Amino acid sequence: MIIKTQKEIPSSEITDLTVFKARRRFIKTVLASVVGATMPVWADNNKSRTLLPNNALVPTPIELVKNYTNYYEFTLNKEDSTKLAQNFVTDPWSLEISGEVEKAGIYHLEDILRQQTLEERIYRFRCVEAWSMVVPWMGFSLGNILKMAKPLSTAQFVKFTAIYQPETMPNQRNNVMLQWPYVEGLRIDEAMHPLTMLAVGMYGDTLPKQNGAPLRLVVPWKYGFKSIKAIVKIELLKKAPITTWNKSAPNEYGFYANVNPAVTHPRWSQNSERQLGSGFFTARRQTELFNGYSEQVADLYRDMDLRHFF
């Protein structure tokens, strides 16, 4: 589900604030005109794509989403990252765009936000560990910022790099589990797809640090590990980048990582998922191809063997 707002915030309202306060005020002001709107929008449900009110997908309780996160830079425990992430420095924040583009550069986050029309998008989120949630994200299409950099015809892939901040991230400091910083990637047409977004908020507020603040990727038809948190660099490349999980365990975590119940993880089935917040005795939800977004994205892979390119 996507709800758009065209409301803009005059620069005079934010120039006298700190970067952090400006960002929060910007998002909250926009959210005030978006969240809770009753206008009909295209929404998805378990059976079809129909014109429904914006409550067609019920968001997972916010406390579950805020306190059940895989953030391995801090901890291997889902609940502990909430506390451990609080010393993470997110202000100020800049995004570098480079590679196969005409206009490479470094952009301050507050300047990026001034140029974007923020949208609330209520998306399903499916983890490769076979659990799922529904999250109301706030952000804008990734394609907007890529177009701003003017990709060259040679740009075939997009590489994302997360922050390297070992002084506040224990597992980076101790070289635990993965090779840091975290890296992810998309094919250029996936990155430019209108469902692919950069999120700066959720549930009507700025992103919590443990959920990827201040800027994270959200690709709703792929497993959650593709939605990289705390992005500091975007590179457009001629060839596919080597991504963190694919490098660590290529037989378990494919580059594409499209949600697919027919492709079993080596250690568990992907046929169904546990819905967070639905109750202990609630039946597991049957997993849908592309996480239920087949109508929008299946054409991206029409000539591909999804078992081979998993």
Protein backbone atom coordinates (compact mmCIF):
# COMPACT_ATOMS: atom_id res chain seq x y z
CA MET A 1 0.00 0.00 0.00
CA ILE A 2 1.26 3.48 -0.83
CA ILE A 3 -0.20 6.77 0.37
CA LYS A 4 1.35 9.90 -1.10
CA THR A 5 1.46 13.47 0.10
CA GLN A 6 2.52 16.50 -1.88
CA LYS A 7 2.96 18.68 1.21
CA GLU A 8 6.32 20.44 1.28
CA ILE A 9 8.06 21.98 4.28
CA PRO A 10 9.39 25.51 3.71
CA SER A 11 13.11 25.67 4.26
CA SER A 12 12.56 28.62 6.63
CA GLU A 13 10.95 26.23 9.10
CA ILE A 14 14.04 24.09 9.48
CA THR A 15 17.09 26.25 8.91
CA ASP A 16 17.26 27.32 12.56
CA LEU A 17 17.17 23.75 13.91
CA THR A 18 19.88 21.19 14.43
CA VAL A 19 20.16 18.52 11.72
CA PHE A 20 18.53 15.94 13.96
CA LYS A 21 15.61 18.12 15.01
CA ALA A 22 15.09 19.26 11.45
CA ARG A 23 14.85 15.68 10.25
CA ARG A 24 12.36 14.69 12.95
CA ARG A 25 10.24 17.79 12.42
CA PHE A 26 10.25 17.34 8.65
CA ILE A 27 9.05 13.74 8.84
CA LYS A 28 6.53 14.35 11.60
CA THR A 29 5.03 17.34 9.77
CA VAL A 30 4.60 15.30 6.61
CA LEU A 31 3.23 12.35 8.55
CA ALA A 32 0.58 14.54 10.12
CA SER A 33 -0.96 15.00 6.68
CA VAL A 34 -0.60 11.36 5.64
CA VAL A 35 -1.04 8.90 8.49
CA GLY A 36 -4.66 8.03 9.14
CA ALA A 37 -5.89 9.28 5.79
CA THR A 38 -9.10 7.58 4.64
CA MET A 39 -8.65 8.02 0.91
CA PRO A 40 -8.91 4.73 -1.02
CA VAL A 41 -5.61 3.39 -2.34
CA TRP A 42 -4.37 0.31 -4.09
CA ALA A 43 -3.72 -2.16 -1.31
CA ASP A 44 -2.96 -5.86 -1.16
CA ASN A 45 -4.51 -8.66 0.83
CA ASN A 46 -4.10 -12.43 0.94
CA LYS A 47 -6.29 -13.12 -2.07
CA SER A 48 -6.21 -10.31 -4.60
CA ARG A 49 -5.19 -6.78 -5.49
CA THR A 50 -8.21 -4.55 -5.03
CA LEU A 51 -9.10 -0.93 -4.32
CA LEU A 52 -9.37 -0.97 -0.54
CA PRO A 53 -9.09 1.50 2.35
CA ASN A 54 -5.60 1.93 3.75
CA ASN A 55 -6.19 -0.47 6.65
CA ALA A 56 -6.28 -3.51 4.34
CA LEU A 57 -3.00 -4.67 5.88
CA VAL A 58 -2.94 -4.52 9.66
CA PRO A 59 0.48 -3.38 10.93
CA THR A 60 2.29 -5.54 13.43
CA PRO A 61 2.29 -3.97 16.93
CA ILE A 62 5.04 -1.38 17.02
CA GLU A 63 6.73 -2.73 20.13
CA LEU A 64 7.30 -6.06 18.40
CA VAL A 65 8.81 -4.40 15.34
CA LYS A 66 11.05 -2.17 17.46
CA ASN A 67 12.29 -4.98 19.68
CA TYR A 68 12.64 -7.95 17.29
CA THR A 69 15.42 -7.07 14.91
CA ASN A 70 18.39 -8.75 13.25
CA TYR A 71 21.15 -6.19 13.62
CA TYR A 72 24.29 -8.26 13.76
CA GLU A 73 26.63 -5.27 13.97
CA PHE A 74 25.42 -5.00 17.57
CA THR A 75 24.37 -8.48 18.67
CA LEU A 76 23.24 -11.93 17.58
CA ASN A 77 20.19 -11.58 19.86
CA LYS A 78 17.09 -9.97 18.36
CA GLU A 79 15.92 -8.31 21.57
CA ASP A 80 19.27 -6.86 22.70
CA SER A 81 19.88 -4.58 19.72
CA THR A 82 17.26 -2.11 21.02
CA LYS A 83 19.45 -1.22 23.99
CA LEU A 84 22.84 -1.71 22.34
CA ALA A 85 22.02 0.56 19.41
CA GLN A 86 21.27 3.62 21.49
CA ASN A 87 24.88 4.86 21.42
CA PHE A 88 24.97 4.55 17.63
CA VAL A 89 25.69 7.96 16.10
CA THR A 90 23.22 8.86 13.34
CA ASP A 91 23.60 12.60 13.29
CA PRO A 92 24.95 14.15 11.09
CA TRP A 93 24.47 11.75 8.17
CA SER A 94 25.54 11.84 4.54
CA LEU A 95 25.04 9.58 1.55
CA GLU A 96 27.72 9.14 -1.10
CA ILE A 97 26.61 8.24 -4.64
CA SER A 98 29.30 7.16 -7.09
CA GLY A 99 30.21 4.78 -9.90
CA GLU A 100 28.50 4.68 -13.29
CA VAL A 101 26.72 8.02 -12.92
CA GLU A 102 27.03 11.49 -14.40
CA LYS A 103 26.57 13.31 -11.10
CA ALA A 104 28.53 11.59 -8.36
CA GLY A 105 28.54 13.37 -5.04
CA ILE A 106 27.97 13.41 -1.31
CA TYR A 107 24.51 14.46 -0.17
CA HIS A 108 23.52 15.46 3.35
CA LEU A 109 20.41 13.62 4.48
CA GLU A 110 18.48 16.76 5.36
CA ASP A 111 19.09 18.09 1.84
CA ILE A 112 17.86 14.82 0.34
CA LEU A 113 14.68 15.00 2.42
CA ARG A 114 13.94 18.55 1.31
CA GLN A 115 13.88 17.35 -2.29
CA GLN A 116 11.62 14.33 -1.73
CA THR A 117 7.91 13.82 -1.36
CA LEU A 118 7.60 11.37 1.51
CA GLU A 119 5.11 8.51 1.33
CA GLU A 120 3.70 6.07 3.84
CA ARG A 121 3.88 2.52 2.50
CA ILE A 122 2.44 -0.39 4.42
CA TYR A 123 4.42 -3.44 3.31
CA ARG A 124 4.72 -7.06 4.26
CA PHE A 125 8.20 -7.88 5.57
CA ARG A 126 9.38 -11.49 5.28
CA CYS A 127 12.56 -12.69 6.98
CA VAL A 128 14.60 -15.55 5.53
CA GLU A 129 14.18 -17.17 8.98
CA ALA A 130 10.49 -17.81 8.13
CA TRP A 131 8.85 -15.14 10.26
CA SER A 132 7.01 -12.08 9.00
CA MET A 133 5.51 -8.76 10.00
CA VAL A 134 3.66 -5.82 8.45
CA VAL A 135 5.32 -2.42 8.75
CA PRO A 136 4.13 1.10 7.83
CA TRP A 137 7.33 2.66 6.48
CA MET A 138 7.86 6.32 5.67
CA GLY A 139 10.18 7.27 2.84
CA PHE A 140 10.53 7.66 -0.91
CA SER A 141 11.30 5.62 -4.00
CA LEU A 142 14.97 4.69 -4.36
CA GLY A 143 14.63 5.47 -8.05
CA ASN A 144 14.14 9.15 -7.23
CA ILE A 145 17.62 9.56 -5.85
CA LEU A 146 19.21 7.35 -8.52
CA LYS A 147 17.68 9.52 -11.23
CA MET A 148 19.11 12.55 -9.49
CA ALA A 149 22.59 11.06 -9.99
CA LYS A 150 21.84 10.35 -13.69
CA PRO A 151 22.93 6.71 -14.19
CA LEU A 152 24.99 5.93 -17.28
CA SER A 153 23.87 3.24 -19.73
CA THR A 154 26.66 1.07 -18.30
CA ALA A 155 25.02 0.96 -14.85
CA GLN A 156 23.62 -2.54 -14.46
CA PHE A 157 23.73 -3.07 -10.69
CA VAL A 158 23.48 -1.02 -7.50
CA LYS A 159 25.71 -1.64 -4.50
CA PHE A 160 24.76 -0.44 -1.00
CA THR A 161 27.22 -0.09 1.85
CA ALA A 162 26.24 0.37 5.50
CA ILE A 163 28.04 2.45 8.09
CA TYR A 164 31.28 1.20 9.61
CA GLN A 165 31.25 2.50 13.18
CA PRO A 166 33.18 0.01 15.33
CA GLU A 167 33.36 2.38 18.27
CA THR A 168 29.61 1.90 18.84
CA MET A 169 29.01 -1.45 17.08
CA PRO A 170 30.52 -4.27 19.18
CA ASN A 171 30.48 -6.97 16.51
CA GLN A 172 32.23 -4.72 14.02
CA ARG A 173 34.85 -3.89 16.63
CA ASN A 174 35.41 -7.57 17.42
CA ASN A 175 35.05 -8.86 13.83
CA VAL A 176 32.18 -11.16 14.84
CA MET A 177 30.16 -13.29 12.40
CA LEU A 178 30.42 -11.35 9.11
CA GLN A 179 32.83 -9.23 7.13
CA TRP A 180 32.08 -5.59 7.86
CA PRO A 181 30.80 -3.17 6.71
CA TYR A 182 27.57 -4.77 5.54
CA VAL A 183 27.06 -4.73 1.76
CA GLU A 184 23.99 -5.47 -0.34
CA GLY A 185 23.04 -5.15 -3.98
CA LEU A 186 20.24 -5.04 -6.51
CA ARG A 187 19.97 -5.21 -10.25
CA ILE A 188 19.33 -1.75 -11.71
CA ASP A 189 15.76 -2.54 -12.75
CA GLU A 190 15.00 -3.85 -9.25
CA ALA A 191 16.45 -0.69 -7.74
CA MET A 192 14.39 1.53 -10.06
CA HIS A 193 11.15 -0.38 -9.42
CA PRO A 194 8.54 1.89 -7.77
CA LEU A 195 8.04 -0.51 -4.84
CA THR A 196 11.71 -0.24 -3.83
CA MET A 197 12.12 2.49 -1.26
CA LEU A 198 14.51 4.24 1.07
CA ALA A 199 12.87 4.53 4.49
CA VAL A 200 13.50 7.30 6.99
CA GLY A 201 10.61 6.55 9.33
CA MET A 202 7.97 4.08 10.46
CA TYR A 203 4.74 4.17 12.46
CA GLY A 204 4.47 7.93 12.08
CA ASP A 205 7.91 8.70 13.51
CA THR A 206 11.59 8.67 12.58
CA LEU A 207 13.26 5.29 12.32
CA PRO A 208 14.52 3.87 15.62
CA LYS A 209 18.24 3.20 15.61
CA GLN A 210 17.74 -0.56 15.92
CA ASN A 211 15.47 -0.55 12.84
CA GLY A 212 18.02 1.00 10.51
CA ALA A 213 18.10 4.73 11.26
CA PRO A 214 18.50 7.09 9.70
CA LEU A 215 18.25 5.61 6.19
CA ARG A 216 17.51 2.03 5.17
CA LEU A 217 16.47 0.13 2.07
CA VAL A 218 13.12 -1.67 1.89
CA VAL A 219 12.46 -4.18 -0.93
CA PRO A 220 9.17 -5.87 0.02
CA TRP A 221 9.31 -8.84 -2.35
CA LYS A 222 12.73 -9.98 -1.11
CA TYR A 223 13.89 -11.52 2.16
CA GLY A 224 14.64 -9.00 4.85
CA PHE A 225 18.43 -9.28 4.78
CA LYS A 226 18.38 -7.47 1.42
CA SER A 227 16.90 -4.38 3.12
CA ILE A 228 20.22 -3.01 4.35
CA LYS A 229 20.24 -0.61 7.30
CA ALA A 230 22.13 2.64 7.95
CA ILE A 231 23.21 3.22 4.35
CA VAL A 232 26.14 5.59 3.75
CA LYS A 233 27.10 4.75 0.17
CA ILE A 234 25.37 3.81 -3.09
CA GLU A 235 27.49 2.76 -6.08
CA LEU A 236 26.22 2.02 -9.57
CA LEU A 237 28.25 -0.74 -11.18
CA LYS A 238 28.72 -2.61 -14.43
CA LYS A 239 28.82 -5.99 -12.66
CA ALA A 240 27.02 -7.51 -9.71
CA PRO A 241 28.62 -6.64 -6.36
CA ILE A 242 29.76 -9.24 -3.85
CA THR A 243 27.22 -8.99 -1.04
CA THR A 244 27.76 -9.83 2.61
CA TRP A 245 25.49 -12.82 3.20
CA ASN A 246 25.98 -14.24 -0.29
CA LYS A 247 29.74 -14.21 0.30
CA SER A 248 29.41 -15.70 3.78
CA ALA A 249 27.07 -18.58 2.85
CA PRO A 250 26.30 -18.66 -0.89
CA ASN A 251 24.36 -21.93 -0.70
CA GLU A 252 21.95 -20.37 1.83
CA TYR A 253 21.67 -16.71 0.81
CA GLY A 254 21.40 -16.04 -2.90
CA PHE A 255 22.08 -12.69 -4.50
CA TYR A 256 18.46 -12.23 -5.56
CA ALA A 257 16.83 -13.52 -2.34
CA ASN A 258 13.31 -13.28 -3.74
CA VAL A 259 10.69 -14.67 -1.38
CA ASN A 260 9.84 -18.06 -2.87
CA PRO A 261 8.04 -20.87 -1.03
CA ALA A 262 9.25 -23.35 -3.66
CA VAL A 263 12.93 -22.75 -2.87
CA THR A 264 13.77 -24.35 0.46
CA HIS A 265 16.49 -22.97 2.69
CA PRO A 266 19.08 -25.72 3.37
CA ARG A 267 18.03 -25.79 7.03
CA TRP A 268 14.27 -25.13 6.92
CA SER A 269 11.24 -24.86 4.66
CA GLN A 270 10.14 -21.52 3.21
CA ASN A 271 6.64 -22.79 2.52
CA SER A 272 5.05 -20.93 5.46
CA GLU A 273 5.85 -18.21 7.96
CA ARG A 274 5.17 -17.26 11.56
CA GLN A 275 3.38 -13.93 11.73
CA LEU A 276 4.64 -11.81 14.60
CA GLY A 277 1.86 -10.52 16.81
CA SER A 278 -0.77 -12.96 15.56
CA GLY A 279 -0.80 -15.12 18.70
CA PHE A 280 0.91 -18.34 19.69
CA PHE A 281 -1.90 -20.59 18.46
CA THR A 282 -2.52 -18.76 15.19
CA ALA A 283 -1.90 -20.91 12.13
CA ARG A 284 1.22 -20.10 10.15
CA ARG A 285 0.67 -17.99 7.06
CA GLN A 286 1.27 -19.64 3.68
CA THR A 287 4.19 -17.85 2.06
CA GLU A 288 3.46 -16.29 -1.33
CA LEU A 289 5.83 -16.02 -4.26
CA PHE A 290 7.51 -12.60 -4.16
CA ASN A 291 5.88 -12.12 -0.75
CA GLY A 292 2.53 -11.43 -2.40
CA TYR A 293 3.82 -8.80 -4.83
CA SER A 294 3.92 -11.01 -7.92
CA GLU A 295 1.58 -8.83 -9.92
CA GLN A 296 3.96 -5.90 -9.58
CA VAL A 297 7.37 -7.58 -9.91
CA ALA A 298 7.11 -10.98 -11.61
CA ASP A 299 7.96 -9.50 -15.03
CA LEU A 300 11.41 -8.60 -13.72
CA TYR A 301 12.24 -12.33 -13.66
CA ARG A 302 10.15 -13.73 -16.51
CA ASP A 303 13.15 -15.29 -18.30
CA MET A 304 14.96 -16.52 -15.19
CA ASP A 305 15.10 -19.90 -13.47
CA LEU A 306 14.12 -18.84 -9.94
CA ARG A 307 15.56 -22.03 -8.45
CA HIS A 308 18.97 -21.29 -9.93
CA PHE A 309 18.84 -17.53 -9.37
CA PHE A 310 17.57 -17.76 -5.81
